[in-house]
Amino acid sequence: YSCMEMLQYEKSLSADLSVIEALIMCRRYADALSRLQALDSSTTEVVYLTAEAQWRSGLVTEAIRTLSQVSSRADKCAALREYLDEIGCLVKKARRSASEEVHLDSIEALQSVERLIDAEACSGLYADILRRKASSLVCRGCNEEASAALDSALRWEPEDQKCLLMRSKVRQKLKDYHGAMADLSILQSINASTPGLFKMMQKIACTILETKDSAYRIKSVKRRTGFDPFGVLGIPGDSDELAIRRAYRQLAAQWHPDKWLQKTEEQQEAASMKFKEIKMAYETLTTEC
């Protein structure tokens, strides 16, 4: 605030740069970058601060590209470039490993980046690293750990839209539907035009209603699938995953075609149809759960 006040009395490059440095220190990276766009990008100081705002917000590749514009070996630009090259290599390794579905290697590379940075000094990058880490953790089935990583990311960047959207999805996997809805509500207040946001909120709202009202759940599932899987398995609408699996196993054992080989052809066909219906009901409900 003091720097902004100073600009009212002193119009100079040094005053502008002081304001930009203050914005970066306050983690207002987008505001800093916006102000930098209005300055002469050929000066070393502007290039340096642009790179600082970029990498701290999570744009490491862009920051390295910005620093490559400096022809002279300015000490602080060279030192920053060396530091970012190391981070950039690890981020590339993490991305490559994730794309190849070697998620453990991706997680290890991202944890190496975590050890190199200070969350308070570069909250944007820290949140981005934790979001990527959470994505790999989800792929490994570690939803609790993914949720914890996203909690940490959002403590530093509470309005990070990608983190909010991912945590909502992870919370749904953990059956924390109220938490998932809360994340989407925050996202809606930040960016109401997020693609598919209304449908996601609508789906979670239906799920919350289904968990409270078994009759509504039966109707809702029947409306979406075109048949009543609960009725096929002979279980109530409030059945959990364990009860669904137990009912399926009992009925599958009873109606498996191998059990009807000594029966008439008509009975075998009826058993086969019944078995397919039971299997479809189970797959429908396990997907719903």
Protein backbone atom coordinates (compact mmCIF):
# COMPACT_ATOMS: atom_id res chain seq x y z
CA TYR A 1 0.00 0.00 0.00
CA SER A 2 2.85 2.39 0.85
CA CYS A 3 4.47 1.71 -2.53
CA MET A 4 1.19 2.36 -4.33
CA GLU A 5 0.89 5.66 -2.47
CA MET A 6 4.44 6.54 -3.52
CA LEU A 7 3.46 6.24 -7.20
CA GLN A 8 1.05 9.15 -6.76
CA TYR A 9 3.98 11.46 -6.05
CA GLU A 10 6.85 9.85 -7.97
CA LYS A 11 6.47 8.68 -11.57
CA SER A 12 9.65 6.76 -12.39
CA LEU A 13 10.85 3.30 -13.37
CA SER A 14 12.37 2.74 -9.94
CA ALA A 15 9.05 3.58 -8.27
CA ASP A 16 7.21 1.18 -10.58
CA LEU A 17 9.72 -1.56 -9.86
CA SER A 18 9.36 -1.02 -6.11
CA VAL A 19 5.60 -1.50 -6.40
CA ILE A 20 6.10 -4.65 -8.47
CA GLU A 21 8.57 -6.07 -5.96
CA ALA A 22 6.02 -5.41 -3.20
CA LEU A 23 3.29 -7.17 -5.20
CA ILE A 24 5.53 -10.21 -5.67
CA MET A 25 6.33 -10.29 -1.95
CA CYS A 26 2.57 -10.18 -1.25
CA ARG A 27 2.08 -13.12 -3.66
CA ARG A 28 0.01 -10.99 -6.05
CA TYR A 29 1.79 -12.42 -9.06
CA ALA A 30 -0.91 -11.69 -11.65
CA ASP A 31 -0.98 -8.01 -10.61
CA ALA A 32 2.81 -7.84 -10.79
CA LEU A 33 2.86 -9.35 -14.29
CA SER A 34 0.13 -6.97 -15.42
CA ARG A 35 2.19 -3.96 -14.32
CA LEU A 36 5.36 -5.36 -15.88
CA GLN A 37 3.67 -5.56 -19.28
CA ALA A 38 3.46 -1.77 -19.34
CA LEU A 39 7.23 -1.34 -18.81
CA ASP A 40 10.21 -1.54 -21.16
CA SER A 41 10.93 -5.27 -21.38
CA SER A 42 14.45 -4.71 -22.68
CA THR A 43 15.88 -3.66 -19.31
CA THR A 44 17.54 -6.31 -17.18
CA GLU A 45 15.58 -5.34 -14.07
CA VAL A 46 12.22 -5.71 -15.82
CA VAL A 47 13.25 -9.07 -17.30
CA TYR A 48 14.41 -10.27 -13.90
CA LEU A 49 11.21 -9.24 -12.09
CA THR A 50 9.07 -10.72 -14.86
CA ALA A 51 10.84 -14.05 -14.44
CA GLU A 52 10.47 -13.80 -10.66
CA ALA A 53 6.71 -13.23 -10.89
CA GLN A 54 6.35 -16.01 -13.46
CA TRP A 55 8.16 -18.82 -11.67
CA ARG A 56 6.71 -17.98 -8.28
CA SER A 57 3.21 -18.21 -9.78
CA GLY A 58 4.03 -21.63 -11.26
CA LEU A 59 5.14 -20.60 -14.76
CA VAL A 60 8.65 -22.05 -14.57
CA THR A 61 9.08 -22.75 -18.29
CA GLU A 62 7.93 -19.23 -19.15
CA ALA A 63 10.35 -17.75 -16.60
CA ILE A 64 13.29 -19.65 -18.13
CA ARG A 65 12.24 -18.39 -21.57
CA THR A 66 12.06 -14.83 -20.23
CA LEU A 67 15.56 -15.03 -18.73
CA SER A 68 16.95 -16.26 -22.05
CA GLN A 69 16.24 -12.78 -23.42
CA VAL A 70 19.08 -11.34 -21.31
CA SER A 71 22.21 -11.35 -23.45
CA SER A 72 24.57 -10.22 -20.71
CA ARG A 73 25.53 -12.52 -17.88
CA ALA A 74 23.82 -10.41 -15.22
CA ASP A 75 24.65 -12.05 -11.91
CA LYS A 76 21.15 -12.29 -10.48
CA CYS A 77 19.61 -13.36 -13.80
CA ALA A 78 22.25 -16.06 -14.24
CA ALA A 79 21.78 -17.29 -10.66
CA LEU A 80 17.99 -17.41 -11.06
CA ARG A 81 18.31 -19.22 -14.41
CA GLU A 82 20.54 -21.86 -12.82
CA TYR A 83 18.06 -22.38 -9.98
CA LEU A 84 15.08 -22.58 -12.34
CA ASP A 85 16.85 -24.98 -14.71
CA GLU A 86 17.04 -27.51 -11.87
CA ILE A 87 13.38 -27.04 -10.97
CA GLY A 88 12.36 -27.12 -14.64
CA CYS A 89 14.12 -30.44 -15.22
CA LEU A 90 12.32 -32.02 -12.29
CA VAL A 91 8.94 -30.67 -13.41
CA LYS A 92 9.52 -32.03 -16.93
CA LYS A 93 10.48 -35.41 -15.47
CA ALA A 94 7.29 -35.43 -13.37
CA ARG A 95 5.13 -34.57 -16.39
CA ARG A 96 6.78 -37.20 -18.55
CA SER A 97 6.45 -39.88 -15.88
CA ALA A 98 2.78 -39.01 -15.33
CA SER A 99 2.07 -39.18 -19.07
CA GLU A 100 3.75 -42.60 -19.16
CA GLU A 101 1.70 -43.61 -16.09
CA VAL A 102 4.82 -44.13 -13.96
CA HIS A 103 3.19 -42.19 -11.16
CA LEU A 104 5.60 -43.13 -8.39
CA ASP A 105 8.48 -41.54 -10.35
CA SER A 106 6.32 -38.46 -10.94
CA ILE A 107 5.58 -38.16 -7.21
CA GLU A 108 9.27 -38.50 -6.34
CA ALA A 109 10.27 -35.79 -8.83
CA LEU A 110 7.62 -33.43 -7.46
CA GLN A 111 8.72 -34.09 -3.88
CA SER A 112 12.25 -33.11 -4.96
CA VAL A 113 10.83 -29.80 -6.18
CA GLU A 114 9.05 -29.34 -2.84
CA ARG A 115 12.40 -29.61 -1.08
CA LEU A 116 13.89 -26.92 -3.32
CA ILE A 117 11.22 -24.27 -2.79
CA ASP A 118 9.67 -22.30 0.05
CA ALA A 119 5.87 -22.25 -0.07
CA GLU A 120 5.69 -18.76 1.40
CA ALA A 121 7.99 -17.36 -1.28
CA CYS A 122 6.32 -19.06 -4.26
CA SER A 123 2.82 -20.12 -3.28
CA GLY A 124 1.64 -20.37 -6.89
CA LEU A 125 4.34 -22.87 -7.84
CA TYR A 126 3.90 -24.74 -4.57
CA ALA A 127 0.17 -25.16 -5.21
CA ASP A 128 0.82 -26.30 -8.78
CA ILE A 129 3.36 -28.90 -7.62
CA LEU A 130 0.98 -30.26 -4.97
CA ARG A 131 -1.88 -30.42 -7.49
CA ARG A 132 0.26 -32.47 -9.89
CA LYS A 133 1.33 -34.67 -7.00
CA ALA A 134 -2.31 -35.17 -5.97
CA SER A 135 -3.17 -36.20 -9.53
CA SER A 136 -0.53 -38.95 -9.47
CA LEU A 137 -1.63 -40.03 -5.99
CA VAL A 138 -5.23 -40.41 -7.23
CA CYS A 139 -3.99 -42.57 -10.11
CA ARG A 140 -2.31 -44.81 -7.52
CA GLY A 141 -5.53 -45.02 -5.49
CA CYS A 142 -4.15 -42.87 -2.65
CA ASN A 143 -7.15 -40.56 -2.33
CA GLU A 144 -6.59 -39.62 1.33
CA GLU A 145 -3.02 -38.51 0.58
CA ALA A 146 -4.22 -36.63 -2.51
CA SER A 147 -6.82 -34.79 -0.46
CA ALA A 148 -4.18 -33.81 2.12
CA ALA A 149 -1.89 -32.48 -0.64
CA LEU A 150 -4.71 -30.37 -2.06
CA ASP A 151 -5.59 -29.08 1.42
CA SER A 152 -1.99 -27.82 1.74
CA ALA A 153 -2.11 -26.26 -1.73
CA LEU A 154 -5.33 -24.40 -0.99
CA ARG A 155 -4.04 -23.09 2.33
CA TRP A 156 -1.52 -21.06 0.31
CA GLU A 157 -3.66 -20.42 -2.79
CA PRO A 158 -7.30 -20.56 -1.58
CA GLU A 159 -8.65 -19.38 -4.95
CA ASP A 160 -6.70 -21.79 -7.16
CA GLN A 161 -9.44 -23.01 -9.49
CA LYS A 162 -7.68 -26.18 -10.63
CA CYS A 163 -7.01 -27.23 -7.04
CA LEU A 164 -10.62 -26.56 -6.00
CA LEU A 165 -11.96 -28.60 -8.90
CA MET A 166 -9.59 -31.49 -8.24
CA ARG A 167 -10.28 -31.54 -4.49
CA SER A 168 -14.01 -31.65 -5.21
CA LYS A 169 -13.47 -34.75 -7.36
CA VAL A 170 -11.22 -36.39 -4.75
CA ARG A 171 -13.74 -35.66 -2.00
CA GLN A 172 -16.43 -37.36 -4.06
CA LYS A 173 -14.21 -40.45 -4.27
CA LEU A 174 -13.94 -40.29 -0.48
CA LYS A 175 -17.75 -39.88 -0.26
CA ASP A 176 -17.38 -36.43 1.31
CA TYR A 177 -20.15 -34.99 -0.83
CA HIS A 178 -20.77 -31.92 1.32
CA GLY A 179 -17.08 -31.02 1.14
CA ALA A 180 -17.12 -31.58 -2.62
CA MET A 181 -20.13 -29.27 -2.97
CA ALA A 182 -18.41 -26.63 -0.81
CA ASP A 183 -15.40 -26.63 -3.13
CA LEU A 184 -17.61 -26.16 -6.18
CA SER A 185 -19.51 -23.36 -4.44
CA ILE A 186 -16.23 -21.52 -3.86
CA LEU A 187 -15.27 -22.15 -7.47
CA GLN A 188 -18.62 -20.76 -8.59
CA SER A 189 -18.00 -17.55 -6.62
CA ILE A 190 -14.60 -17.18 -8.33
CA ASN A 191 -15.53 -18.23 -11.85
CA ALA A 192 -19.19 -19.01 -12.48
CA SER A 193 -18.45 -19.78 -16.14
CA THR A 194 -16.30 -22.83 -15.33
CA PRO A 195 -17.24 -25.46 -17.97
CA GLY A 196 -19.66 -28.09 -16.64
CA LEU A 197 -19.85 -26.53 -13.18
CA PHE A 198 -23.66 -26.53 -12.93
CA LYS A 199 -23.91 -30.19 -13.97
CA MET A 200 -21.25 -31.18 -11.43
CA MET A 201 -23.09 -29.36 -8.64
CA GLN A 202 -26.38 -30.87 -9.73
CA LYS A 203 -24.91 -34.38 -9.67
CA ILE A 204 -23.48 -33.93 -6.17
CA ALA A 205 -26.78 -32.49 -4.92
CA CYS A 206 -28.60 -35.59 -6.22
CA THR A 207 -26.03 -37.84 -4.54
CA ILE A 208 -26.53 -36.03 -1.21
CA LEU A 209 -30.29 -36.52 -1.49
CA GLU A 210 -29.81 -40.20 -2.34
CA THR A 211 -27.69 -40.79 0.75
CA LYS A 212 -30.46 -39.30 2.92
CA ASP A 213 -33.48 -40.90 1.25
CA SER A 214 -33.28 -44.54 0.08
CA ALA A 215 -36.57 -44.26 -1.83
CA TYR A 216 -35.25 -41.26 -3.73
CA ARG A 217 -32.05 -43.17 -4.44
CA ILE A 218 -33.96 -46.09 -5.98
CA LYS A 219 -36.00 -43.72 -8.15
CA SER A 220 -32.95 -41.72 -9.17
CA VAL A 221 -30.89 -44.78 -10.17
CA LYS A 222 -33.87 -46.25 -12.02
CA ARG A 223 -34.37 -43.00 -13.92
CA ARG A 224 -30.70 -42.87 -14.96
CA THR A 225 -30.29 -46.54 -15.88
CA GLY A 226 -33.74 -47.53 -17.10
CA PHE A 227 -34.14 -50.45 -14.66
CA ASP A 228 -34.11 -51.17 -10.91
CA PRO A 229 -30.76 -52.74 -9.93
CA PHE A 230 -31.72 -52.76 -6.25
CA GLY A 231 -34.78 -54.86 -7.06
CA VAL A 232 -32.71 -57.24 -9.19
CA LEU A 233 -30.30 -57.85 -6.31
CA GLY A 234 -33.10 -57.87 -3.73
CA ILE A 235 -31.56 -55.22 -1.50
CA PRO A 236 -32.87 -51.92 -0.02
CA GLY A 237 -31.96 -48.52 -1.49
CA ASP A 238 -29.68 -47.60 1.41
CA SER A 239 -27.38 -50.60 0.88
CA ASP A 240 -23.67 -49.86 1.01
CA GLU A 241 -20.97 -51.32 -1.24
CA LEU A 242 -20.39 -54.31 1.05
CA ALA A 243 -24.08 -55.27 1.04
CA ILE A 244 -24.23 -54.88 -2.74
CA ARG A 245 -21.21 -57.14 -3.20
CA ARG A 246 -22.58 -59.75 -0.80
CA ALA A 247 -25.95 -59.90 -2.58
CA TYR A 248 -24.26 -60.13 -5.95
CA ARG A 249 -22.05 -63.04 -4.92
CA GLN A 250 -24.97 -65.00 -3.53
CA LEU A 251 -27.14 -64.50 -6.61
CA ALA A 252 -24.27 -65.00 -9.07
CA ALA A 253 -23.46 -68.33 -7.44
CA GLN A 254 -27.12 -69.36 -7.68
CA TRP A 255 -27.66 -68.30 -11.30
CA HIS A 256 -24.28 -68.94 -12.89
CA PRO A 257 -24.82 -70.82 -16.20
CA ASP A 258 -22.44 -73.60 -15.11
CA LYS A 259 -24.90 -74.52 -12.36
CA TRP A 260 -27.66 -75.12 -14.94
CA LEU A 261 -25.86 -77.36 -17.42
CA GLN A 262 -27.96 -80.41 -16.46
CA LYS A 263 -31.24 -78.51 -16.88
CA THR A 264 -33.40 -78.11 -19.96
CA GLU A 265 -32.35 -75.75 -22.73
CA GLU A 266 -35.14 -73.37 -21.77
CA GLN A 267 -34.02 -73.32 -18.14
CA GLN A 268 -30.39 -72.77 -19.19
CA GLU A 269 -31.38 -69.78 -21.32
CA ALA A 270 -33.46 -68.30 -18.49
CA ALA A 271 -30.54 -68.73 -16.05
CA SER A 272 -28.14 -67.09 -18.50
CA MET A 273 -30.47 -64.11 -18.88
CA LYS A 274 -30.89 -63.85 -15.12
CA PHE A 275 -27.12 -64.01 -14.58
CA LYS A 276 -26.55 -61.19 -17.09
CA GLU A 277 -29.19 -59.08 -15.35
CA ILE A 278 -27.56 -59.68 -11.95
CA LYS A 279 -24.15 -58.79 -13.33
CA MET A 280 -25.47 -55.59 -14.93
CA ALA A 281 -27.18 -54.58 -11.68
CA TYR A 282 -23.96 -55.11 -9.73
CA GLU A 283 -21.85 -53.16 -12.22
CA THR A 284 -24.39 -50.32 -12.23
CA LEU A 285 -24.47 -50.00 -8.45
CA THR A 286 -20.72 -50.33 -7.93
CA THR A 287 -20.23 -47.58 -10.49
CA GLU A 288 -22.82 -45.47 -8.68
CA CYS A 289 -21.08 -46.08 -5.37
